Amino acid sequence: MKNKKISQSTKKHIRNEKAKIRREVQDVKKQEEMINKLCQKFFKKDENKRSI
């Protein structure tokens, strides 16, 4: 599987959102769930694009 490149600003946004989730949510399982949902939101968009 080929690694998808994402823009630097998107990486920064994901990193900031993950930090925000870790600060605000105390339950570790809930943190993992929310972080996985966040990542799926960004990586799902790239899967729909067609490779040329």
C-alpha atoms as a PDB file:
ATOM      1  CA  MET A   1       0.000   0.000   0.000  1.00  0.00           C
ATOM      2  CA  LYS A   2       1.298   3.398  -0.966  1.00  0.00           C
ATOM      3  CA  ASN A   3       1.605   6.024   1.759  1.00  0.00           C
ATOM      4  CA  LYS A   4      -0.620   9.018   1.126  1.00  0.00           C
ATOM      5  CA  LYS A   5       0.978  12.399   1.617  1.00  0.00           C
ATOM      6  CA  ILE A   6      -1.051  14.961   3.459  1.00  0.00           C
ATOM      7  CA  SER A   7      -0.303  18.656   3.665  1.00  0.00           C
ATOM      8  CA  GLN A   8       1.650  20.143   6.523  1.00  0.00           C
ATOM      9  CA  SER A   9      -1.335  22.230   7.627  1.00  0.00           C
ATOM     10  CA  THR A  10      -3.518  19.110   7.805  1.00  0.00           C
ATOM     11  CA  LYS A  11      -0.892  17.316   9.890  1.00  0.00           C
ATOM     12  CA  LYS A  12      -0.748  20.325  12.209  1.00  0.00           C
ATOM     13  CA  HIS A  13      -4.533  20.412  12.543  1.00  0.00           C
ATOM     14  CA  ILE A  14      -4.691  16.692  13.369  1.00  0.00           C
ATOM     15  CA  ARG A  15      -1.894  17.062  15.927  1.00  0.00           C
ATOM     16  CA  ASN A  16      -3.671  20.001  17.607  1.00  0.00           C
ATOM     17  CA  GLU A  17      -7.013  18.203  17.679  1.00  0.00           C
ATOM     18  CA  LYS A  18      -5.426  15.088  19.198  1.00  0.00           C
ATOM     19  CA  ALA A  19      -3.818  17.233  21.908  1.00  0.00           C
ATOM     20  CA  LYS A  20      -7.160  18.927  22.584  1.00  0.00           C
ATOM     21  CA  ILE A  21      -8.888  15.531  22.928  1.00  0.00           C
ATOM     22  CA  ARG A  22      -6.197  14.283  25.309  1.00  0.00           C
ATOM     23  CA  ARG A  23      -6.508  17.409  27.476  1.00  0.00           C
ATOM     24  CA  GLU A  24     -10.293  17.432  27.678  1.00  0.00           C
ATOM     25  CA  VAL A  25     -11.189  13.712  27.902  1.00  0.00           C
ATOM     26  CA  GLN A  26      -9.950  11.763  30.902  1.00  0.00           C
ATOM     27  CA  ASP A  27     -11.114   8.276  29.893  1.00  0.00           C
ATOM     28  CA  VAL A  28      -8.364   6.582  27.819  1.00  0.00           C
ATOM     29  CA  LYS A  29     -10.750   4.379  25.827  1.00  0.00           C
ATOM     30  CA  LYS A  30     -12.916   7.376  24.949  1.00  0.00           C
ATOM     31  CA  GLN A  31      -9.751   9.269  23.879  1.00  0.00           C
ATOM     32  CA  GLU A  32      -8.710   6.459  21.526  1.00  0.00           C
ATOM     33  CA  GLU A  33     -12.220   6.271  20.097  1.00  0.00           C
ATOM     34  CA  MET A  34     -12.373  10.007  19.411  1.00  0.00           C
ATOM     35  CA  ILE A  35      -8.857  10.091  17.915  1.00  0.00           C
ATOM     36  CA  ASN A  36      -9.683   7.160  15.618  1.00  0.00           C
ATOM     37  CA  LYS A  37     -12.841   8.941  14.478  1.00  0.00           C
ATOM     38  CA  LEU A  38     -10.803  12.094  13.794  1.00  0.00           C
ATOM     39  CA  CYS A  39      -8.244  10.186  11.719  1.00  0.00           C
ATOM     40  CA  GLN A  40     -10.946   8.354   9.780  1.00  0.00           C
ATOM     41  CA  LYS A  41     -12.486  11.683   8.867  1.00  0.00           C
ATOM     42  CA  PHE A  42      -9.275  12.859   7.193  1.00  0.00           C
ATOM     43  CA  PHE A  43      -8.057   9.627   5.661  1.00  0.00           C
ATOM     44  CA  LYS A  44     -11.467   8.579   4.343  1.00  0.00           C
ATOM     45  CA  LYS A  45     -11.518  11.595   2.013  1.00  0.00           C
ATOM     46  CA  ASP A  46      -8.253  10.543   0.349  1.00  0.00           C
ATOM     47  CA  GLU A  47      -9.456   6.979  -0.301  1.00  0.00           C
ATOM     48  CA  ASN A  48     -12.280   8.240  -2.522  1.00  0.00           C
ATOM     49  CA  LYS A  49      -9.850   9.950  -4.912  1.00  0.00           C
ATOM     50  CA  ARG A  50      -8.927   8.029  -7.988  1.00  0.00           C
ATOM     51  CA  SER A  51      -5.289   7.183  -8.707  1.00  0.00           C
ATOM     52  CA  ILE A  52      -4.053   8.071 -12.169  1.00  0.00           C
END
